[in-house]
Amino acid sequence: MDDHVELRPVAEADLPVIERLRTDPGLCGPFLWAGWSDPHRFRRRFEQDGMLGEDNGTLAIASGAGLLGIVSYRRVTAASLWCWSIGISLLPEARGRGAGSRAQRLLADYLFAHTTANRIQAETEAGNLAEQRALEKAGFTREGVMRGVGFRDGRYRDEVLYSVVRSDLLGDDAP
């Protein structure tokens, strides 16, 4: 599957799957279920800007005509500069097959090619070992544990911070 993964803008036909992926506890997986929320927020966002804004966006992860999930990015402040923070949600049948690593690497390549950001980071729950392996496979470096920064299922959770900087992927002569 790894070689056949691509990113593309979200299409209107993707919205029912995305709404279920982000609001159905059975599809979210144990690390993304944060309680019931408005599933129509994705359609409103799509109607507003196609889910591609200046400071955040969402892209579909596809293999051929099939939707595997979504990747997202948002601008965050890091020290006196800004960087991108990325996230991913995969459908259960796409998990554990390399699609997540490939999609996150494609997103990093895309953001470095089309923005001036020097850093892209990702945070994942400390217990989410599959996502940690996926980020490392995508070229991200583990920076450390952020204690008590996440909240899920009635408890504060530790998260692991990963990053990749432009020169990691483009070499020391990167602009």
C-alpha atoms as a PDB file:
ATOM      1  CA  MET A   1       0.000   0.000   0.000  1.00  0.00           C
ATOM      2  CA  ASP A   2       2.828   2.395   0.881  1.00  0.00           C
ATOM      3  CA  ASP A   3       3.699   3.273  -2.736  1.00  0.00           C
ATOM      4  CA  HIS A   4       0.101   3.994  -3.722  1.00  0.00           C
ATOM      5  CA  VAL A   5      -0.709   6.626  -1.116  1.00  0.00           C
ATOM      6  CA  GLU A   6      -1.354  10.182  -2.230  1.00  0.00           C
ATOM      7  CA  LEU A   7      -2.688  13.386  -0.743  1.00  0.00           C
ATOM      8  CA  ARG A   8      -5.401  15.434  -2.417  1.00  0.00           C
ATOM      9  CA  PRO A   9      -7.871  18.147  -1.461  1.00  0.00           C
ATOM     10  CA  VAL A  10     -10.960  16.912   0.342  1.00  0.00           C
ATOM     11  CA  ALA A  11     -13.908  16.372  -2.018  1.00  0.00           C
ATOM     12  CA  GLU A  12     -17.529  16.834  -1.021  1.00  0.00           C
ATOM     13  CA  ALA A  13     -18.066  13.097  -1.478  1.00  0.00           C
ATOM     14  CA  ASP A  14     -15.456  12.479   1.278  1.00  0.00           C
ATOM     15  CA  LEU A  15     -17.413  14.385   3.928  1.00  0.00           C
ATOM     16  CA  PRO A  16     -19.672  11.546   5.187  1.00  0.00           C
ATOM     17  CA  VAL A  17     -16.630   9.317   5.764  1.00  0.00           C
ATOM     18  CA  ILE A  18     -14.644  12.120   7.414  1.00  0.00           C
ATOM     19  CA  GLU A  19     -17.583  12.973   9.679  1.00  0.00           C
ATOM     20  CA  ARG A  20     -17.809   9.342  10.803  1.00  0.00           C
ATOM     21  CA  LEU A  21     -14.035   8.971  11.125  1.00  0.00           C
ATOM     22  CA  ARG A  22     -13.818  11.929  13.488  1.00  0.00           C
ATOM     23  CA  THR A  23     -17.026  11.392  15.485  1.00  0.00           C
ATOM     24  CA  ASP A  24     -17.645   7.615  15.671  1.00  0.00           C
ATOM     25  CA  PRO A  25     -15.775   6.094  18.644  1.00  0.00           C
ATOM     26  CA  GLY A  26     -15.498   2.792  16.782  1.00  0.00           C
ATOM     27  CA  LEU A  27     -13.684   4.416  13.857  1.00  0.00           C
ATOM     28  CA  CYS A  28     -11.606   7.024  15.710  1.00  0.00           C
ATOM     29  CA  GLY A  29      -9.538   4.493  17.541  1.00  0.00           C
ATOM     30  CA  PRO A  30      -8.615   4.694  21.212  1.00  0.00           C
ATOM     31  CA  PHE A  31      -6.357   7.739  20.968  1.00  0.00           C
ATOM     32  CA  LEU A  32      -8.606  10.148  19.038  1.00  0.00           C
ATOM     33  CA  TRP A  33     -12.017   9.645  20.637  1.00  0.00           C
ATOM     34  CA  ALA A  34     -12.605  12.868  22.593  1.00  0.00           C
ATOM     35  CA  GLY A  35     -16.342  12.616  23.124  1.00  0.00           C
ATOM     36  CA  TRP A  36     -19.363  13.501  21.045  1.00  0.00           C
ATOM     37  CA  SER A  37     -19.105  16.625  18.908  1.00  0.00           C
ATOM     38  CA  ASP A  38     -20.878  18.269  16.003  1.00  0.00           C
ATOM     39  CA  PRO A  39     -20.267  16.102  12.912  1.00  0.00           C
ATOM     40  CA  HIS A  40     -21.507  18.860  10.616  1.00  0.00           C
ATOM     41  CA  ARG A  41     -18.563  21.121  11.468  1.00  0.00           C
ATOM     42  CA  PHE A  42     -16.613  19.423   8.672  1.00  0.00           C
ATOM     43  CA  ARG A  43     -19.278  20.240   6.068  1.00  0.00           C
ATOM     44  CA  ARG A  44     -19.414  23.859   7.275  1.00  0.00           C
ATOM     45  CA  ARG A  45     -15.644  24.106   7.040  1.00  0.00           C
ATOM     46  CA  PHE A  46     -15.687  22.532   3.566  1.00  0.00           C
ATOM     47  CA  GLU A  47     -18.295  25.044   2.391  1.00  0.00           C
ATOM     48  CA  GLN A  48     -16.233  27.897   3.863  1.00  0.00           C
ATOM     49  CA  ASP A  49     -12.856  27.196   2.238  1.00  0.00           C
ATOM     50  CA  GLY A  50     -12.656  23.608   1.011  1.00  0.00           C
ATOM     51  CA  MET A  51     -10.807  22.793   4.257  1.00  0.00           C
ATOM     52  CA  LEU A  52      -7.720  24.667   2.988  1.00  0.00           C
ATOM     53  CA  GLY A  53      -7.180  27.849   4.975  1.00  0.00           C
ATOM     54  CA  GLU A  54      -4.199  30.130   5.560  1.00  0.00           C
ATOM     55  CA  ASP A  55      -3.484  28.841   9.083  1.00  0.00           C
ATOM     56  CA  ASN A  56      -4.847  25.300   8.926  1.00  0.00           C
ATOM     57  CA  GLY A  57      -6.016  22.717   6.472  1.00  0.00           C
ATOM     58  CA  THR A  58      -7.058  19.143   5.875  1.00  0.00           C
ATOM     59  CA  LEU A  59      -6.124  16.881   2.975  1.00  0.00           C
ATOM     60  CA  ALA A  60      -7.536  13.495   2.026  1.00  0.00           C
ATOM     61  CA  ILE A  61      -5.273  10.434   2.097  1.00  0.00           C
ATOM     62  CA  ALA A  62      -6.173   8.334  -0.919  1.00  0.00           C
ATOM     63  CA  SER A  63      -5.117   5.128  -2.606  1.00  0.00           C
ATOM     64  CA  GLY A  64      -6.572   5.039  -6.084  1.00  0.00           C
ATOM     65  CA  ALA A  65     -10.223   6.000  -5.737  1.00  0.00           C
ATOM     66  CA  GLY A  66     -10.379   4.891  -2.098  1.00  0.00           C
ATOM     67  CA  LEU A  67     -10.282   7.252   0.870  1.00  0.00           C
ATOM     68  CA  LEU A  68      -7.918   6.025   3.614  1.00  0.00           C
ATOM     69  CA  GLY A  69      -8.249   8.955   6.004  1.00  0.00           C
ATOM     70  CA  ILE A  70      -7.133  12.551   6.446  1.00  0.00           C
ATOM     71  CA  VAL A  71      -4.077  14.540   7.448  1.00  0.00           C
ATOM     72  CA  SER A  72      -4.320  18.012   8.885  1.00  0.00           C
ATOM     73  CA  TYR A  73      -2.022  20.899   9.683  1.00  0.00           C
ATOM     74  CA  ARG A  74      -2.295  24.040  11.762  1.00  0.00           C
ATOM     75  CA  ARG A  75       0.008  26.962  12.386  1.00  0.00           C
ATOM     76  CA  VAL A  76       1.410  27.129  15.927  1.00  0.00           C
ATOM     77  CA  THR A  77       3.891  29.470  17.578  1.00  0.00           C
ATOM     78  CA  ALA A  78       7.215  27.950  18.601  1.00  0.00           C
ATOM     79  CA  ALA A  79       9.473  30.380  20.503  1.00  0.00           C
ATOM     80  CA  SER A  80       9.412  33.557  18.411  1.00  0.00           C
ATOM     81  CA  LEU A  81       8.688  31.738  15.144  1.00  0.00           C
ATOM     82  CA  TRP A  82       5.805  29.703  13.808  1.00  0.00           C
ATOM     83  CA  CYS A  83       5.702  26.108  12.616  1.00  0.00           C
ATOM     84  CA  TRP A  84       3.163  23.562  11.478  1.00  0.00           C
ATOM     85  CA  SER A  85       1.655  20.965  13.792  1.00  0.00           C
ATOM     86  CA  ILE A  86       0.254  17.982  11.909  1.00  0.00           C
ATOM     87  CA  GLY A  87      -2.195  15.217  12.724  1.00  0.00           C
ATOM     88  CA  ILE A  88      -3.647  12.141  11.064  1.00  0.00           C
ATOM     89  CA  SER A  89      -6.801  10.002  11.192  1.00  0.00           C
ATOM     90  CA  LEU A  90      -6.906   6.731   9.311  1.00  0.00           C
ATOM     91  CA  LEU A  91      -9.800   4.395   8.689  1.00  0.00           C
ATOM     92  CA  PRO A  92      -9.296   1.088  10.547  1.00  0.00           C
ATOM     93  CA  GLU A  93      -8.613  -0.883   7.350  1.00  0.00           C
ATOM     94  CA  ALA A  94      -5.738   1.483   6.440  1.00  0.00           C
ATOM     95  CA  ARG A  95      -3.944   1.230   9.787  1.00  0.00           C
ATOM     96  CA  GLY A  96      -0.756  -0.772  10.205  1.00  0.00           C
ATOM     97  CA  ARG A  97       0.002  -0.915   6.477  1.00  0.00           C
ATOM     98  CA  GLY A  98       2.393   2.029   6.007  1.00  0.00           C
ATOM     99  CA  ALA A  99      -0.194   4.507   4.738  1.00  0.00           C
ATOM    100  CA  GLY A 100       0.152   6.757   7.796  1.00  0.00           C
ATOM    101  CA  SER A 101       3.942   7.069   7.522  1.00  0.00           C
ATOM    102  CA  ARG A 102       3.722   7.740   3.803  1.00  0.00           C
ATOM    103  CA  ALA A 103       0.931  10.318   4.191  1.00  0.00           C
ATOM    104  CA  GLN A 104       2.761  12.188   6.970  1.00  0.00           C
ATOM    105  CA  ARG A 105       5.967  12.281   4.904  1.00  0.00           C
ATOM    106  CA  LEU A 106       4.022  13.522   1.866  1.00  0.00           C
ATOM    107  CA  LEU A 107       2.436  16.233   4.016  1.00  0.00           C
ATOM    108  CA  ALA A 108       5.831  17.325   5.374  1.00  0.00           C
ATOM    109  CA  ASP A 109       7.253  17.447   1.837  1.00  0.00           C
ATOM    110  CA  TYR A 110       4.224  19.438   0.670  1.00  0.00           C
ATOM    111  CA  LEU A 111       4.425  21.966   3.527  1.00  0.00           C
ATOM    112  CA  PHE A 112       8.172  22.509   3.047  1.00  0.00           C
ATOM    113  CA  ALA A 113       7.680  22.947  -0.705  1.00  0.00           C
ATOM    114  CA  HIS A 114       4.811  25.437  -0.443  1.00  0.00           C
ATOM    115  CA  THR A 115       5.418  27.399   2.769  1.00  0.00           C
ATOM    116  CA  THR A 116       8.384  29.086   4.446  1.00  0.00           C
ATOM    117  CA  ALA A 117       8.100  26.978   7.611  1.00  0.00           C
ATOM    118  CA  ASN A 118      11.355  25.540   8.897  1.00  0.00           C
ATOM    119  CA  ARG A 119       9.768  23.130  11.386  1.00  0.00           C
ATOM    120  CA  ILE A 120       6.883  20.667  11.369  1.00  0.00           C
ATOM    121  CA  GLN A 121       5.877  18.962  14.585  1.00  0.00           C
ATOM    122  CA  ALA A 122       3.468  16.254  15.669  1.00  0.00           C
ATOM    123  CA  GLU A 123       2.214  15.300  19.081  1.00  0.00           C
ATOM    124  CA  THR A 124       0.859  11.887  19.982  1.00  0.00           C
ATOM    125  CA  GLU A 125      -0.252  10.244  23.186  1.00  0.00           C
ATOM    126  CA  ALA A 126       2.592   8.478  24.995  1.00  0.00           C
ATOM    127  CA  GLY A 127       0.747   5.168  24.724  1.00  0.00           C
ATOM    128  CA  ASN A 128       0.231   5.438  20.961  1.00  0.00           C
ATOM    129  CA  LEU A 129       3.256   3.361  19.962  1.00  0.00           C
ATOM    130  CA  ALA A 130       1.989   2.732  16.426  1.00  0.00           C
ATOM    131  CA  GLU A 131       1.859   6.479  15.694  1.00  0.00           C
ATOM    132  CA  GLN A 132       5.298   6.981  17.218  1.00  0.00           C
ATOM    133  CA  ARG A 133       6.720   4.306  14.881  1.00  0.00           C
ATOM    134  CA  ALA A 134       4.897   5.880  11.931  1.00  0.00           C
ATOM    135  CA  LEU A 135       6.333   9.331  12.663  1.00  0.00           C
ATOM    136  CA  GLU A 136       9.853   7.944  12.997  1.00  0.00           C
ATOM    137  CA  LYS A 137       9.454   6.054   9.715  1.00  0.00           C
ATOM    138  CA  ALA A 138       8.289   9.331   8.112  1.00  0.00           C
ATOM    139  CA  GLY A 139      11.547  11.029   9.178  1.00  0.00           C
ATOM    140  CA  PHE A 140      10.433  12.755  12.394  1.00  0.00           C
ATOM    141  CA  THR A 141      12.686  12.874  15.469  1.00  0.00           C
ATOM    142  CA  ARG A 142      11.415  12.261  18.981  1.00  0.00           C
ATOM    143  CA  GLU A 143      12.078  15.371  21.082  1.00  0.00           C
ATOM    144  CA  GLY A 144      10.600  14.399  24.422  1.00  0.00           C
ATOM    145  CA  VAL A 145       7.539  13.854  26.583  1.00  0.00           C
ATOM    146  CA  MET A 146       5.149  16.673  27.445  1.00  0.00           C
ATOM    147  CA  ARG A 147       3.579  15.731  30.748  1.00  0.00           C
ATOM    148  CA  GLY A 148      -0.171  16.110  31.276  1.00  0.00           C
ATOM    149  CA  VAL A 149      -0.740  18.135  28.103  1.00  0.00           C
ATOM    150  CA  GLY A 150      -3.560  16.035  26.621  1.00  0.00           C
ATOM    151  CA  PHE A 151      -7.002  15.243  28.018  1.00  0.00           C
ATOM    152  CA  ARG A 152      -8.982  12.187  26.995  1.00  0.00           C
ATOM    153  CA  ASP A 153     -11.411   9.839  28.694  1.00  0.00           C
ATOM    154  CA  GLY A 154     -11.479  11.785  31.957  1.00  0.00           C
ATOM    155  CA  ARG A 155      -7.707  11.848  32.454  1.00  0.00           C
ATOM    156  CA  TYR A 156      -4.789  14.076  31.626  1.00  0.00           C
ATOM    157  CA  ARG A 157      -2.352  12.285  29.332  1.00  0.00           C
ATOM    158  CA  ASP A 158       1.321  12.638  28.488  1.00  0.00           C
ATOM    159  CA  GLU A 159       2.163  13.270  24.860  1.00  0.00           C
ATOM    160  CA  VAL A 160       5.337  12.695  22.901  1.00  0.00           C
ATOM    161  CA  LEU A 161       6.595  15.555  20.725  1.00  0.00           C
ATOM    162  CA  TYR A 162       8.160  14.789  17.346  1.00  0.00           C
ATOM    163  CA  SER A 163       9.584  17.177  14.769  1.00  0.00           C
ATOM    164  CA  VAL A 164      11.267  17.420  11.424  1.00  0.00           C
ATOM    165  CA  VAL A 165      13.090  20.516  10.214  1.00  0.00           C
ATOM    166  CA  ARG A 166      13.649  21.570   6.640  1.00  0.00           C
ATOM    167  CA  SER A 167      17.323  20.525   6.594  1.00  0.00           C
ATOM    168  CA  ASP A 168      16.400  16.999   7.821  1.00  0.00           C
ATOM    169  CA  LEU A 169      14.574  16.338   4.567  1.00  0.00           C
ATOM    170  CA  LEU A 170      16.261  18.730   2.160  1.00  0.00           C
ATOM    171  CA  GLY A 171      19.874  18.645   3.399  1.00  0.00           C
ATOM    172  CA  ASP A 172      22.119  21.252   4.977  1.00  0.00           C
ATOM    173  CA  ASP A 173      21.865  23.616   2.000  1.00  0.00           C
ATOM    174  CA  ALA A 174      18.080  23.938   2.405  1.00  0.00           C
ATOM    175  CA  PRO A 175      16.826  27.532   2.112  1.00  0.00           C
END
